[in-house]
Amino acid sequence: MFKPLILFFIISFLFLNFLFAKEVNIDKLVDDYSQSDKKVFIYLHRTGCSYCNSMQEFTLDDENVRVYLNENFTFVAVNVSDQVIYNNRGMSGLDFAKLMGYNFYPSSLLLDNDKKIKYAIAGYKNELEFMVILKYLKGKALDTMTLEAYKISVGYQKSKNNEIMDERKRKNDAR
């Protein structure tokens, strides 16, 4: 009695994963944008991950983040159930994440023109901190200083309640 029902749910789950999975060709993305100053920015996530859902809902859906990402990077979201082509090999998004060494979700990867990780960020980031990170990755600071040094240089600091504050704005508001 229960075996057919369990089998039905397993087959349905696999079918739905296949139905909603997409193919992401990392090779083509990097090749297409290697002549421009846009680098490929990959957001790794998985269905059912509460931190991934929060990052998508609050960070990536933020208008400022979305505009900055689109103007300065080639952004692609890769779910672990997606199919990925990387270095002329087809694989699952999960296998791609493992291959890149970031089987932790959410994670964000900036690739160079050789399809190697230039910078990686693991874990949830709110929209303000994520914008600081994006500006660090876009500018020359990535090659000259650490992210923490960059945050200090632009006046951002993490407050006790994990919000990013612009120290300059706070000082101006106090006047």
N, C-alpha and C. Protein backbone atom coordinates (compact mmCIF):
# COMPACT_ATOMS: atom_id res chain seq x y z
N MET A 1 0.81 -1.19 0.00
CA MET A 1 0.00 0.00 0.00
C MET A 1 0.86 1.26 0.00
N PHE A 2 1.84 1.30 0.91
CA PHE A 2 2.66 2.50 1.01
C PHE A 2 3.75 2.57 -0.05
N LYS A 3 4.21 1.40 -0.53
CA LYS A 3 5.29 1.40 -1.53
C LYS A 3 4.89 2.13 -2.81
N PRO A 4 3.71 1.87 -3.37
CA PRO A 4 3.33 2.62 -4.59
C PRO A 4 3.21 4.13 -4.34
N LEU A 5 2.72 4.50 -3.17
CA LEU A 5 2.58 5.91 -2.83
C LEU A 5 3.94 6.57 -2.70
N ILE A 6 4.87 5.92 -2.04
CA ILE A 6 6.23 6.44 -1.88
C ILE A 6 6.90 6.54 -3.24
N LEU A 7 6.75 5.51 -4.05
CA LEU A 7 7.33 5.51 -5.39
C LEU A 7 6.76 6.66 -6.23
N PHE A 8 5.45 6.90 -6.11
CA PHE A 8 4.82 8.00 -6.81
C PHE A 8 5.44 9.34 -6.41
N PHE A 9 5.63 9.57 -5.11
CA PHE A 9 6.21 10.82 -4.63
C PHE A 9 7.66 10.98 -5.09
N ILE A 10 8.41 9.93 -5.08
CA ILE A 10 9.81 9.99 -5.53
C ILE A 10 9.87 10.35 -7.01
N ILE A 11 9.07 9.68 -7.80
CA ILE A 11 9.05 9.95 -9.24
C ILE A 11 8.56 11.38 -9.51
N SER A 12 7.54 11.82 -8.78
CA SER A 12 7.04 13.19 -8.94
C SER A 12 8.11 14.21 -8.59
N PHE A 13 8.82 13.98 -7.49
CA PHE A 13 9.88 14.89 -7.06
C PHE A 13 10.98 14.97 -8.13
N LEU A 14 11.41 13.83 -8.63
CA LEU A 14 12.46 13.81 -9.65
C LEU A 14 11.99 14.48 -10.93
N PHE A 15 10.75 14.25 -11.32
CA PHE A 15 10.21 14.87 -12.51
C PHE A 15 10.14 16.39 -12.36
N LEU A 16 9.66 16.87 -11.21
CA LEU A 16 9.57 18.31 -10.98
C LEU A 16 10.96 18.96 -10.96
N ASN A 17 11.93 18.29 -10.35
CA ASN A 17 13.29 18.82 -10.37
C ASN A 17 13.81 18.93 -11.79
N PHE A 18 13.55 17.91 -12.58
CA PHE A 18 13.99 17.93 -13.98
C PHE A 18 13.26 19.01 -14.76
N LEU A 19 11.98 19.15 -14.50
CA LEU A 19 11.15 20.12 -15.21
C LEU A 19 11.60 21.55 -14.95
N PHE A 20 11.95 21.87 -13.71
CA PHE A 20 12.30 23.24 -13.36
C PHE A 20 13.79 23.52 -13.39
N ALA A 21 14.61 22.51 -13.59
CA ALA A 21 16.05 22.74 -13.68
C ALA A 21 16.36 23.40 -15.02
N LYS A 22 17.35 24.27 -15.00
CA LYS A 22 17.76 24.93 -16.23
C LYS A 22 19.20 24.56 -16.52
N GLU A 23 19.62 24.86 -17.73
CA GLU A 23 21.02 24.62 -18.09
C GLU A 23 21.75 25.95 -18.08
N VAL A 24 22.87 25.99 -17.39
CA VAL A 24 23.69 27.19 -17.30
C VAL A 24 25.04 26.88 -17.92
N ASN A 25 25.37 27.58 -19.00
CA ASN A 25 26.63 27.34 -19.70
C ASN A 25 27.65 28.38 -19.23
N ILE A 26 28.42 28.02 -18.22
CA ILE A 26 29.44 28.92 -17.66
C ILE A 26 30.50 29.24 -18.72
N ASP A 27 30.88 28.26 -19.49
CA ASP A 27 31.89 28.47 -20.54
C ASP A 27 31.46 29.58 -21.49
N LYS A 28 30.22 29.51 -21.96
CA LYS A 28 29.71 30.51 -22.90
C LYS A 28 29.62 31.89 -22.25
N LEU A 29 29.17 31.94 -21.01
CA LEU A 29 29.07 33.23 -20.31
C LEU A 29 30.43 33.90 -20.19
N VAL A 30 31.43 33.15 -19.77
CA VAL A 30 32.77 33.73 -19.61
C VAL A 30 33.33 34.13 -20.97
N ASP A 31 33.17 33.27 -21.97
CA ASP A 31 33.67 33.59 -23.31
C ASP A 31 32.99 34.83 -23.90
N ASP A 32 31.68 34.92 -23.72
CA ASP A 32 30.93 36.06 -24.26
C ASP A 32 31.34 37.38 -23.64
N TYR A 33 31.71 37.36 -22.37
CA TYR A 33 32.00 38.61 -21.68
C TYR A 33 33.48 38.81 -21.40
N SER A 34 34.34 37.95 -21.91
CA SER A 34 35.78 38.09 -21.63
C SER A 34 36.38 39.33 -22.28
N GLN A 35 35.77 39.84 -23.34
CA GLN A 35 36.28 41.05 -23.99
C GLN A 35 35.76 42.33 -23.34
N SER A 36 34.75 42.21 -22.50
CA SER A 36 34.22 43.40 -21.82
C SER A 36 34.81 43.46 -20.41
N ASP A 37 34.44 44.49 -19.69
CA ASP A 37 34.94 44.57 -18.32
C ASP A 37 33.98 43.91 -17.34
N LYS A 38 32.95 43.24 -17.84
CA LYS A 38 32.01 42.52 -16.99
C LYS A 38 32.56 41.12 -16.69
N LYS A 39 32.65 40.81 -15.43
CA LYS A 39 33.05 39.47 -15.01
C LYS A 39 31.80 38.66 -14.68
N VAL A 40 31.91 37.35 -14.74
CA VAL A 40 30.79 36.47 -14.43
C VAL A 40 30.68 36.32 -12.92
N PHE A 41 29.50 36.63 -12.40
CA PHE A 41 29.20 36.55 -10.98
C PHE A 41 28.14 35.48 -10.79
N ILE A 42 28.50 34.41 -10.09
CA ILE A 42 27.61 33.26 -9.93
C ILE A 42 27.07 33.22 -8.51
N TYR A 43 25.76 33.12 -8.40
CA TYR A 43 25.11 32.97 -7.10
C TYR A 43 24.66 31.52 -6.98
N LEU A 44 25.27 30.77 -6.06
CA LEU A 44 24.94 29.37 -5.82
C LEU A 44 23.89 29.27 -4.72
N HIS A 45 22.84 28.52 -4.97
CA HIS A 45 21.78 28.35 -3.98
C HIS A 45 21.11 27.01 -4.15
N ARG A 46 20.27 26.68 -3.18
CA ARG A 46 19.50 25.45 -3.30
C ARG A 46 18.07 25.68 -2.83
N THR A 47 17.17 24.95 -3.40
CA THR A 47 15.76 25.03 -3.04
C THR A 47 15.59 24.57 -1.60
N GLY A 48 14.80 25.31 -0.83
CA GLY A 48 14.53 24.93 0.54
C GLY A 48 15.52 25.50 1.55
N CYS A 49 16.51 26.23 1.10
CA CYS A 49 17.51 26.83 1.98
C CYS A 49 16.97 28.17 2.47
N SER A 50 16.73 28.32 3.76
CA SER A 50 16.13 29.55 4.27
C SER A 50 17.05 30.75 4.09
N TYR A 51 18.37 30.55 4.22
CA TYR A 51 19.31 31.66 4.01
C TYR A 51 19.32 32.08 2.53
N CYS A 52 19.23 31.10 1.65
CA CYS A 52 19.16 31.39 0.21
C CYS A 52 17.89 32.17 -0.11
N ASN A 53 16.77 31.73 0.45
CA ASN A 53 15.50 32.42 0.22
C ASN A 53 15.56 33.86 0.72
N SER A 54 16.14 34.06 1.90
CA SER A 54 16.26 35.42 2.44
C SER A 54 17.16 36.28 1.56
N MET A 55 18.26 35.69 1.10
CA MET A 55 19.18 36.47 0.26
C MET A 55 18.51 36.84 -1.06
N GLN A 56 17.74 35.92 -1.62
CA GLN A 56 17.05 36.22 -2.87
C GLN A 56 15.96 37.27 -2.65
N GLU A 57 15.21 37.13 -1.57
CA GLU A 57 14.08 38.02 -1.33
C GLU A 57 14.52 39.42 -0.90
N PHE A 58 15.51 39.51 -0.03
CA PHE A 58 15.87 40.81 0.54
C PHE A 58 17.11 41.43 -0.09
N THR A 59 18.04 40.62 -0.53
CA THR A 59 19.29 41.17 -1.05
C THR A 59 19.25 41.29 -2.57
N LEU A 60 19.06 40.18 -3.24
CA LEU A 60 19.11 40.19 -4.70
C LEU A 60 17.91 40.89 -5.33
N ASP A 61 16.79 40.95 -4.62
CA ASP A 61 15.61 41.65 -5.13
C ASP A 61 15.64 43.15 -4.82
N ASP A 62 16.62 43.59 -4.04
CA ASP A 62 16.76 45.02 -3.75
C ASP A 62 17.08 45.74 -5.06
N GLU A 63 16.38 46.83 -5.33
CA GLU A 63 16.54 47.53 -6.61
C GLU A 63 17.98 48.01 -6.84
N ASN A 64 18.62 48.57 -5.83
CA ASN A 64 19.99 49.05 -5.99
C ASN A 64 20.95 47.91 -6.30
N VAL A 65 20.79 46.79 -5.61
CA VAL A 65 21.64 45.62 -5.86
C VAL A 65 21.40 45.10 -7.27
N ARG A 66 20.15 44.97 -7.64
CA ARG A 66 19.80 44.42 -8.97
C ARG A 66 20.37 45.29 -10.09
N VAL A 67 20.22 46.60 -9.97
CA VAL A 67 20.74 47.51 -11.00
C VAL A 67 22.27 47.44 -11.06
N TYR A 68 22.92 47.47 -9.91
CA TYR A 68 24.38 47.44 -9.88
C TYR A 68 24.92 46.13 -10.45
N LEU A 69 24.29 45.02 -10.09
CA LEU A 69 24.70 43.71 -10.64
C LEU A 69 24.57 43.69 -12.16
N ASN A 70 23.43 44.13 -12.66
CA ASN A 70 23.18 44.10 -14.11
C ASN A 70 24.10 45.02 -14.89
N GLU A 71 24.45 46.17 -14.31
CA GLU A 71 25.31 47.12 -15.00
C GLU A 71 26.79 46.71 -14.98
N ASN A 72 27.20 45.99 -13.96
CA ASN A 72 28.63 45.76 -13.76
C ASN A 72 29.10 44.31 -13.83
N PHE A 73 28.18 43.38 -13.83
CA PHE A 73 28.55 41.96 -13.84
C PHE A 73 27.63 41.19 -14.78
N THR A 74 28.08 40.01 -15.16
CA THR A 74 27.21 39.06 -15.82
C THR A 74 26.73 38.13 -14.72
N PHE A 75 25.51 38.35 -14.26
CA PHE A 75 24.99 37.64 -13.09
C PHE A 75 24.21 36.41 -13.53
N VAL A 76 24.48 35.30 -12.86
CA VAL A 76 23.72 34.09 -13.11
C VAL A 76 23.51 33.36 -11.78
N ALA A 77 22.27 32.96 -11.55
CA ALA A 77 21.93 32.17 -10.37
C ALA A 77 21.96 30.70 -10.76
N VAL A 78 22.66 29.89 -9.96
CA VAL A 78 22.76 28.46 -10.22
C VAL A 78 22.21 27.71 -9.02
N ASN A 79 21.11 27.00 -9.26
CA ASN A 79 20.54 26.13 -8.24
C ASN A 79 21.27 24.79 -8.33
N VAL A 80 21.39 24.09 -7.21
CA VAL A 80 22.09 22.81 -7.24
C VAL A 80 21.39 21.80 -8.13
N SER A 81 20.11 22.03 -8.44
CA SER A 81 19.40 21.10 -9.33
C SER A 81 19.58 21.46 -10.81
N ASP A 82 20.18 22.61 -11.10
CA ASP A 82 20.42 23.01 -12.49
C ASP A 82 21.50 22.15 -13.12
N GLN A 83 21.53 22.15 -14.43
CA GLN A 83 22.60 21.52 -15.18
C GLN A 83 23.59 22.61 -15.57
N VAL A 84 24.88 22.33 -15.39
CA VAL A 84 25.92 23.32 -15.65
C VAL A 84 26.92 22.76 -16.65
N ILE A 85 27.35 23.62 -17.57
CA ILE A 85 28.46 23.27 -18.46
C ILE A 85 29.63 24.12 -18.02
N TYR A 86 30.69 23.45 -17.61
CA TYR A 86 31.88 24.14 -17.11
C TYR A 86 33.10 23.37 -17.58
N ASN A 87 34.03 24.08 -18.22
CA ASN A 87 35.21 23.45 -18.81
C ASN A 87 34.85 22.29 -19.74
N ASN A 88 33.83 22.56 -20.57
CA ASN A 88 33.36 21.61 -21.58
C ASN A 88 32.82 20.31 -21.00
N ARG A 89 32.40 20.35 -19.75
CA ARG A 89 31.82 19.17 -19.10
C ARG A 89 30.44 19.51 -18.57
N GLY A 90 29.49 18.63 -18.80
CA GLY A 90 28.17 18.79 -18.22
C GLY A 90 28.15 18.18 -16.83
N MET A 91 27.47 18.85 -15.92
CA MET A 91 27.38 18.35 -14.54
C MET A 91 26.19 19.01 -13.86
N SER A 92 25.84 18.50 -12.71
CA SER A 92 24.77 19.12 -11.94
C SER A 92 25.31 20.37 -11.25
N GLY A 93 24.41 21.24 -10.84
CA GLY A 93 24.81 22.42 -10.08
C GLY A 93 25.50 22.03 -8.79
N LEU A 94 25.06 20.93 -8.19
CA LEU A 94 25.70 20.43 -6.96
C LEU A 94 27.14 20.01 -7.23
N ASP A 95 27.35 19.27 -8.31
CA ASP A 95 28.72 18.86 -8.66
C ASP A 95 29.59 20.06 -9.01
N PHE A 96 29.00 21.06 -9.66
CA PHE A 96 29.75 22.28 -9.97
C PHE A 96 30.18 22.97 -8.68
N ALA A 97 29.24 23.11 -7.73
CA ALA A 97 29.56 23.74 -6.44
C ALA A 97 30.68 22.99 -5.72
N LYS A 98 30.60 21.67 -5.72
CA LYS A 98 31.65 20.85 -5.09
C LYS A 98 32.98 21.04 -5.80
N LEU A 99 32.96 21.05 -7.12
CA LEU A 99 34.18 21.22 -7.90
C LEU A 99 34.83 22.57 -7.60
N MET A 100 34.01 23.60 -7.43
CA MET A 100 34.53 24.93 -7.14
C MET A 100 34.95 25.07 -5.68
N GLY A 101 34.58 24.10 -4.85
CA GLY A 101 34.94 24.14 -3.43
C GLY A 101 33.98 24.96 -2.60
N TYR A 102 32.77 25.19 -3.10
CA TYR A 102 31.78 25.98 -2.38
C TYR A 102 30.45 25.24 -2.31
N ASN A 103 30.46 24.14 -1.59
CA ASN A 103 29.25 23.35 -1.38
C ASN A 103 28.57 23.84 -0.10
N PHE A 104 28.39 25.15 0.00
CA PHE A 104 27.77 25.83 1.12
C PHE A 104 26.87 26.89 0.54
N TYR A 105 25.65 26.99 1.04
CA TYR A 105 24.68 27.86 0.39
C TYR A 105 24.09 28.87 1.35
N PRO A 106 23.87 30.09 0.87
CA PRO A 106 24.24 30.60 -0.44
C PRO A 106 25.73 30.93 -0.52
N SER A 107 26.28 30.88 -1.70
CA SER A 107 27.64 31.31 -1.98
C SER A 107 27.65 32.09 -3.29
N SER A 108 28.57 33.03 -3.38
CA SER A 108 28.70 33.84 -4.60
C SER A 108 30.13 33.76 -5.08
N LEU A 109 30.31 33.55 -6.38
CA LEU A 109 31.63 33.39 -6.97
C LEU A 109 31.84 34.41 -8.08
N LEU A 110 32.98 35.06 -8.08
CA LEU A 110 33.38 35.94 -9.17
C LEU A 110 34.45 35.19 -9.95
N LEU A 111 34.19 34.98 -11.25
CA LEU A 111 35.14 34.24 -12.09
C LEU A 111 35.97 35.20 -12.92
N ASP A 112 37.22 34.81 -13.17
CA ASP A 112 38.06 35.59 -14.08
C ASP A 112 37.88 35.05 -15.49
N ASN A 113 38.62 35.58 -16.44
CA ASN A 113 38.48 35.15 -17.84
C ASN A 113 38.98 33.74 -18.10
N ASP A 114 39.70 33.16 -17.14
CA ASP A 114 40.16 31.77 -17.26
C ASP A 114 39.21 30.80 -16.56
N LYS A 115 38.04 31.30 -16.15
CA LYS A 115 37.01 30.50 -15.48
C LYS A 115 37.43 30.02 -14.11
N LYS A 116 38.37 30.71 -13.51
CA LYS A 116 38.83 30.39 -12.16
C LYS A 116 38.20 31.39 -11.19
N ILE A 117 38.08 30.97 -9.94
CA ILE A 117 37.50 31.86 -8.93
C ILE A 117 38.48 32.99 -8.64
N LYS A 118 38.03 34.21 -8.83
CA LYS A 118 38.82 35.39 -8.47
C LYS A 118 38.48 35.80 -7.05
N TYR A 119 37.23 35.62 -6.66
CA TYR A 119 36.81 35.94 -5.30
C TYR A 119 35.55 35.14 -4.99
N ALA A 120 35.39 34.75 -3.75
CA ALA A 120 34.21 34.00 -3.34
C ALA A 120 33.70 34.51 -2.00
N ILE A 121 32.39 34.48 -1.86
CA ILE A 121 31.73 34.93 -0.65
C ILE A 121 30.77 33.83 -0.23
N ALA A 122 30.90 33.33 0.97
CA ALA A 122 30.00 32.29 1.46
C ALA A 122 29.05 32.88 2.49
N GLY A 123 27.80 32.45 2.43
CA GLY A 123 26.82 32.84 3.42
C GLY A 123 25.94 34.00 3.02
N TYR A 124 24.91 34.20 3.82
CA TYR A 124 23.94 35.26 3.61
C TYR A 124 24.59 36.62 3.84
N LYS A 125 24.28 37.57 2.98
CA LYS A 125 24.70 38.97 3.14
C LYS A 125 23.47 39.84 2.92
N ASN A 126 23.26 40.82 3.80
CA ASN A 126 22.13 41.73 3.57
C ASN A 126 22.47 42.66 2.41
N GLU A 127 21.48 43.43 1.97
CA GLU A 127 21.65 44.23 0.76
C GLU A 127 22.73 45.30 0.91
N LEU A 128 22.88 45.88 2.08
CA LEU A 128 23.89 46.92 2.25
C LEU A 128 25.30 46.35 2.23
N GLU A 129 25.50 45.26 2.93
CA GLU A 129 26.83 44.63 2.92
C GLU A 129 27.15 44.07 1.54
N PHE A 130 26.15 43.53 0.88
CA PHE A 130 26.36 42.97 -0.46
C PHE A 130 26.78 44.06 -1.44
N MET A 131 26.18 45.24 -1.33
CA MET A 131 26.57 46.35 -2.21
C MET A 131 28.03 46.75 -1.98
N VAL A 132 28.46 46.78 -0.73
CA VAL A 132 29.86 47.09 -0.43
C VAL A 132 30.76 46.05 -1.09
N ILE A 133 30.38 44.79 -0.99
CA ILE A 133 31.17 43.70 -1.59
C ILE A 133 31.20 43.85 -3.10
N LEU A 134 30.06 44.14 -3.72
CA LEU A 134 30.01 44.30 -5.17
C LEU A 134 30.91 45.44 -5.64
N LYS A 135 30.89 46.55 -4.92
CA LYS A 135 31.74 47.68 -5.30
C LYS A 135 33.21 47.34 -5.12
N TYR A 136 33.52 46.57 -4.10
CA TYR A 136 34.89 46.10 -3.89
C TYR A 136 35.33 45.21 -5.06
N LEU A 137 34.46 44.32 -5.49
CA LEU A 137 34.79 43.40 -6.59
C LEU A 137 34.89 44.11 -7.93
N LYS A 138 34.10 45.16 -8.13
CA LYS A 138 34.11 45.87 -9.40
C LYS A 138 35.32 46.79 -9.54
N GLY A 139 35.71 47.42 -8.46
CA GLY A 139 36.79 48.40 -8.51
C GLY A 139 38.17 47.78 -8.48
N LYS A 140 39.16 48.63 -8.39
CA LYS A 140 40.56 48.20 -8.35
C LYS A 140 40.97 47.68 -6.97
N ALA A 141 40.13 47.93 -5.96
CA ALA A 141 40.47 47.55 -4.59
C ALA A 141 40.71 46.04 -4.45
N LEU A 142 40.02 45.24 -5.23
CA LEU A 142 40.17 43.79 -5.16
C LEU A 142 41.62 43.37 -5.35
N ASP A 143 42.35 44.09 -6.20
CA ASP A 143 43.73 43.73 -6.47
C ASP A 143 44.73 44.37 -5.50
N THR A 144 44.25 45.30 -4.66
CA THR A 144 45.20 46.04 -3.82
C THR A 144 44.98 45.90 -2.32
N MET A 145 43.78 45.45 -1.90
CA MET A 145 43.52 45.35 -0.46
C MET A 145 42.50 44.27 -0.15
N THR A 146 42.40 43.91 1.10
CA THR A 146 41.41 42.92 1.52
C THR A 146 40.04 43.58 1.59
N LEU A 147 39.01 42.76 1.64
CA LEU A 147 37.66 43.28 1.76
C LEU A 147 37.51 44.07 3.06
N GLU A 148 38.05 43.57 4.14
CA GLU A 148 37.94 44.27 5.43
C GLU A 148 38.62 45.65 5.36
N ALA A 149 39.79 45.72 4.73
CA ALA A 149 40.47 47.00 4.58
C ALA A 149 39.64 47.93 3.70
N TYR A 150 39.02 47.40 2.67
CA TYR A 150 38.17 48.21 1.80
C TYR A 150 36.98 48.76 2.58
N LYS A 151 36.34 47.92 3.38
CA LYS A 151 35.20 48.38 4.17
C LYS A 151 35.60 49.55 5.07
N ILE A 152 36.75 49.45 5.68
CA ILE A 152 37.24 50.53 6.54
C ILE A 152 37.51 51.78 5.70
N SER A 153 38.12 51.60 4.54
CA SER A 153 38.49 52.75 3.71
C SER A 153 37.28 53.53 3.19
N VAL A 154 36.13 52.85 3.03
CA VAL A 154 34.94 53.54 2.56
C VAL A 154 34.00 53.92 3.70
N GLY A 155 34.40 53.63 4.93
CA GLY A 155 33.62 54.05 6.08
C GLY A 155 32.49 53.14 6.50
N TYR A 156 32.50 51.91 6.04
CA TYR A 156 31.45 50.98 6.44
C TYR A 156 31.96 50.11 7.59
N GLN A 157 31.05 49.83 8.51
CA GLN A 157 31.38 48.92 9.59
C GLN A 157 30.15 48.11 9.95
N LYS A 158 30.38 46.95 10.49
CA LYS A 158 29.27 46.09 10.89
C LYS A 158 28.84 46.51 12.29
N SER A 159 27.56 46.78 12.45
CA SER A 159 27.07 47.18 13.76
C SER A 159 26.71 45.94 14.57
N LYS A 160 26.38 46.14 15.82
CA LYS A 160 26.06 45.02 16.71
C LYS A 160 24.87 44.21 16.21
N ASN A 161 23.95 44.86 15.52
CA ASN A 161 22.77 44.13 15.04
C ASN A 161 22.95 43.64 13.60
N ASN A 162 24.22 43.54 13.17
CA ASN A 162 24.60 42.98 11.86
C ASN A 162 24.12 43.80 10.68
N GLU A 163 23.82 45.07 10.88
CA GLU A 163 23.51 45.93 9.75
C GLU A 163 24.76 46.70 9.39
N ILE A 164 24.92 47.02 8.13
CA ILE A 164 26.05 47.81 7.69
C ILE A 164 25.66 49.27 7.78
N MET A 165 26.58 50.06 8.28
CA MET A 165 26.29 51.48 8.41
C MET A 165 27.37 52.27 7.68
N ASP A 166 26.95 53.34 7.04
CA ASP A 166 27.90 54.24 6.43
C ASP A 166 28.30 55.24 7.52
N GLU A 167 29.53 55.11 7.98
CA GLU A 167 30.02 55.93 9.07
C GLU A 167 29.93 57.42 8.75
N ARG A 168 30.21 57.78 7.51
CA ARG A 168 30.13 59.19 7.11
C ARG A 168 28.71 59.72 7.24
N LYS A 169 27.73 58.94 6.80
CA LYS A 169 26.32 59.36 6.88
C LYS A 169 25.91 59.50 8.33
N ARG A 170 26.31 58.56 9.16
CA ARG A 170 25.96 58.60 10.57
C ARG A 170 26.50 59.87 11.23
N LYS A 171 27.75 60.22 10.90
CA LYS A 171 28.35 61.43 11.45
C LYS A 171 27.61 62.67 10.99
N ASN A 172 27.22 62.70 9.71
CA ASN A 172 26.46 63.84 9.18
C ASN A 172 25.09 63.96 9.83
N ASP A 173 24.44 62.81 10.07
CA ASP A 173 23.13 62.84 10.69
C ASP A 173 23.20 63.34 12.14
N ALA A 174 24.33 63.12 12.80
CA ALA A 174 24.49 63.53 14.19
C ALA A 174 24.67 65.06 14.30
N ARG A 175 25.02 65.72 13.24
CA ARG A 175 25.25 67.18 13.29
C ARG A 175 24.00 67.97 13.40
